[in-house]
C-alpha atoms as a PDB file:
ATOM      1  CA  MET A   1      64.558 -11.840  35.692  1.00  0.00           C
ATOM      2  CA  SER A   2      64.922  -8.964  33.278  1.00  0.00           C
ATOM      3  CA  LYS A   3      62.063  -6.746  32.193  1.00  0.00           C
ATOM      4  CA  GLU A   4      60.814  -7.237  28.638  1.00  0.00           C
ATOM      5  CA  ILE A   5      61.137  -4.358  26.189  1.00  0.00           C
ATOM      6  CA  SER A   6      59.713  -3.965  22.727  1.00  0.00           C
ATOM      7  CA  PHE A   7      61.794  -4.189  19.564  1.00  0.00           C
ATOM      8  CA  GLU A   8      61.102  -0.477  19.103  1.00  0.00           C
ATOM      9  CA  ASP A   9      62.721   0.174  22.513  1.00  0.00           C
ATOM     10  CA  PHE A  10      65.804  -1.777  21.437  1.00  0.00           C
ATOM     11  CA  GLN A  11      66.031   0.203  18.200  1.00  0.00           C
ATOM     12  CA  LYS A  12      66.419   3.410  20.235  1.00  0.00           C
ATOM     13  CA  VAL A  13      69.724   2.145  21.693  1.00  0.00           C
ATOM     14  CA  ASP A  14      72.659   3.059  19.441  1.00  0.00           C
ATOM     15  CA  ILE A  15      75.435   0.524  20.063  1.00  0.00           C
ATOM     16  CA  ARG A  16      78.659   1.089  18.140  1.00  0.00           C
ATOM     17  CA  LYS A  17      82.164  -0.246  17.830  1.00  0.00           C
ATOM     18  CA  GLY A  18      85.056   2.084  18.570  1.00  0.00           C
ATOM     19  CA  THR A  19      88.765   2.071  19.284  1.00  0.00           C
ATOM     20  CA  ILE A  20      90.312   3.523  22.438  1.00  0.00           C
ATOM     21  CA  VAL A  21      92.766   6.235  21.369  1.00  0.00           C
ATOM     22  CA  LYS A  22      93.622   7.752  24.765  1.00  0.00           C
ATOM     23  CA  VAL A  23      93.563   6.455  28.352  1.00  0.00           C
ATOM     24  CA  ASN A  24      94.066   8.571  31.479  1.00  0.00           C
ATOM     25  CA  ASP A  25      93.919   7.773  35.173  1.00  0.00           C
ATOM     26  CA  PHE A  26      90.845   9.226  36.880  1.00  0.00           C
ATOM     27  CA  PRO A  27      91.893  10.038  40.466  1.00  0.00           C
ATOM     28  CA  LYS A  28      88.773  12.146  41.185  1.00  0.00           C
ATOM     29  CA  ALA A  29      86.386   9.227  40.540  1.00  0.00           C
ATOM     30  CA  ARG A  30      84.821   7.687  43.669  1.00  0.00           C
ATOM     31  CA  LYS A  31      85.799   4.175  42.544  1.00  0.00           C
ATOM     32  CA  PRO A  32      89.000   3.391  40.608  1.00  0.00           C
ATOM     33  CA  ALA A  33      88.418   4.236  36.946  1.00  0.00           C
ATOM     34  CA  TYR A  34      90.011   5.374  33.711  1.00  0.00           C
ATOM     35  CA  GLN A  35      89.049   8.251  31.442  1.00  0.00           C
ATOM     36  CA  LEU A  36      88.785   6.781  27.942  1.00  0.00           C
ATOM     37  CA  HIS A  37      88.683   8.597  24.614  1.00  0.00           C
ATOM     38  CA  VAL A  38      87.108   6.364  21.974  1.00  0.00           C
ATOM     39  CA  ASP A  39      87.186   6.897  18.201  1.00  0.00           C
ATOM     40  CA  PHE A  40      83.804   6.094  16.651  1.00  0.00           C
ATOM     41  CA  GLY A  41      84.736   6.975  13.063  1.00  0.00           C
ATOM     42  CA  ASP A  42      82.225   9.407  11.539  1.00  0.00           C
ATOM     43  CA  LEU A  43      80.680  10.005  15.000  1.00  0.00           C
ATOM     44  CA  GLY A  44      84.010  11.387  16.223  1.00  0.00           C
ATOM     45  CA  ILE A  45      85.765  10.812  19.519  1.00  0.00           C
ATOM     46  CA  LYS A  46      83.625  10.346  22.615  1.00  0.00           C
ATOM     47  CA  LYS A  47      84.744  10.195  26.240  1.00  0.00           C
ATOM     48  CA  SER A  48      83.810   7.597  28.832  1.00  0.00           C
ATOM     49  CA  SER A  49      84.609   6.872  32.451  1.00  0.00           C
ATOM     50  CA  ALA A  50      85.174   3.138  32.935  1.00  0.00           C
ATOM     51  CA  GLN A  51      85.677   1.189  36.160  1.00  0.00           C
ATOM     52  CA  ILE A  52      87.918  -1.427  34.581  1.00  0.00           C
ATOM     53  CA  THR A  53      91.212  -0.851  36.418  1.00  0.00           C
ATOM     54  CA  ASP A  54      91.202  -4.289  38.089  1.00  0.00           C
ATOM     55  CA  LEU A  55      91.628  -6.260  34.859  1.00  0.00           C
ATOM     56  CA  TYR A  56      93.125  -3.780  32.375  1.00  0.00           C
ATOM     57  CA  THR A  57      96.199  -1.567  32.329  1.00  0.00           C
ATOM     58  CA  LYS A  58      96.286   1.685  30.397  1.00  0.00           C
ATOM     59  CA  GLU A  59      98.711   0.093  27.944  1.00  0.00           C
ATOM     60  CA  GLU A  60      96.387  -2.884  27.325  1.00  0.00           C
ATOM     61  CA  LEU A  61      93.458  -0.564  26.643  1.00  0.00           C
ATOM     62  CA  LEU A  62      95.174   1.736  24.159  1.00  0.00           C
ATOM     63  CA  HIS A  63      94.054   0.781  20.604  1.00  0.00           C
ATOM     64  CA  LYS A  64      91.617  -1.835  21.958  1.00  0.00           C
ATOM     65  CA  GLN A  65      88.296  -2.175  20.159  1.00  0.00           C
ATOM     66  CA  VAL A  66      85.277  -1.746  22.434  1.00  0.00           C
ATOM     67  CA  THR A  67      81.507  -1.772  22.214  1.00  0.00           C
ATOM     68  CA  ALA A  68      79.584   1.206  23.585  1.00  0.00           C
ATOM     69  CA  ILE A  69      76.178   2.806  23.759  1.00  0.00           C
ATOM     70  CA  VAL A  70      76.697   6.190  22.128  1.00  0.00           C
ATOM     71  CA  ASN A  71      73.297   7.860  22.479  1.00  0.00           C
ATOM     72  CA  PHE A  72      72.961   8.221  26.244  1.00  0.00           C
ATOM     73  CA  LYS A  73      72.756  11.782  27.530  1.00  0.00           C
ATOM     74  CA  PRO A  74      76.231  12.913  28.678  1.00  0.00           C
ATOM     75  CA  ARG A  75      76.788  12.339  32.396  1.00  0.00           C
ATOM     76  CA  GLN A  76      79.002  14.360  34.727  1.00  0.00           C
ATOM     77  CA  ILE A  77      81.295  12.108  36.769  1.00  0.00           C
ATOM     78  CA  ALA A  78      83.413  14.213  39.145  1.00  0.00           C
ATOM     79  CA  ASN A  79      85.183  16.717  36.867  1.00  0.00           C
ATOM     80  CA  PHE A  80      84.702  14.614  33.699  1.00  0.00           C
ATOM     81  CA  MET A  81      81.826  14.463  31.188  1.00  0.00           C
ATOM     82  CA  SER A  82      81.132  10.866  30.125  1.00  0.00           C
ATOM     83  CA  GLU A  83      79.530  10.730  26.660  1.00  0.00           C
ATOM     84  CA  CYS A  84      79.140   6.988  26.067  1.00  0.00           C
ATOM     85  CA  LEU A  85      78.839   3.747  28.035  1.00  0.00           C
ATOM     86  CA  ILE A  86      81.449   1.047  27.387  1.00  0.00           C
ATOM     87  CA  LEU A  87      79.853  -2.417  27.550  1.00  0.00           C
ATOM     88  CA  GLY A  88      81.183  -5.450  29.374  1.00  0.00           C
ATOM     89  CA  VAL A  89      80.216  -8.392  31.546  1.00  0.00           C
ATOM     90  CA  TYR A  90      80.789  -8.736  35.293  1.00  0.00           C
ATOM     91  CA  ASN A  91      82.852 -11.823  36.090  1.00  0.00           C
ATOM     92  CA  LYS A  92      82.482 -13.918  39.268  1.00  0.00           C
ATOM     93  CA  ASN A  93      84.759 -11.482  41.146  1.00  0.00           C
ATOM     94  CA  GLY A  94      82.642  -8.456  40.195  1.00  0.00           C
ATOM     95  CA  ASN A  95      85.146  -7.088  37.677  1.00  0.00           C
ATOM     96  CA  VAL A  96      84.086  -5.865  34.242  1.00  0.00           C
ATOM     97  CA  VAL A  97      85.349  -7.931  31.297  1.00  0.00           C
ATOM     98  CA  LEU A  98      85.128  -5.992  28.036  1.00  0.00           C
ATOM     99  CA  LEU A  99      83.405  -7.541  25.031  1.00  0.00           C
ATOM    100  CA  GLU A 100      85.895  -8.786  22.408  1.00  0.00           C
ATOM    101  CA  TYR A 101      85.704  -8.975  18.613  1.00  0.00           C
ATOM    102  CA  SER A 102      86.909 -11.998  16.672  1.00  0.00           C
ATOM    103  CA  LYS A 103      87.610  -9.823  13.602  1.00  0.00           C
ATOM    104  CA  GLU A 104      88.562  -6.183  13.223  1.00  0.00           C
ATOM    105  CA  ILE A 105      85.578  -3.944  12.531  1.00  0.00           C
ATOM    106  CA  LYS A 106      85.536  -0.369  11.229  1.00  0.00           C
ATOM    107  CA  ASN A 107      85.135   2.320  13.894  1.00  0.00           C
ATOM    108  CA  GLY A 108      81.566   3.557  14.147  1.00  0.00           C
ATOM    109  CA  GLU A 109      79.930   0.382  12.826  1.00  0.00           C
ATOM    110  CA  GLN A 110      76.548  -0.140  14.442  1.00  0.00           C
ATOM    111  CA  ILE A 111      75.783  -3.295  16.407  1.00  0.00           C
ATOM    112  CA  ARG A 112      72.432  -4.754  15.417  1.00  0.00           C
END
């Protein structure tokens, strides 16, 4: 069971849509991961480390729209500074499936 939060708590989380513009392998990560560079429009490009190598190739990820939390404090992961958290759902095999959009949305649009 998840812990209840207030609506005010939810309003503190800044969830935005962005487009992946660069994907690199991340060999120094403890678990297999990619280094993603995501364009959030007016917010600029933010970096993220994502453990999504099981289901996605670098080519599949390039230009893919993703959903991310953009107001976490940056986090050092090996030699890489992760600035946002890409959102997804764990499938039955424990792999992350990225959230998909049914229509194209402008980079930087806020999820509410």
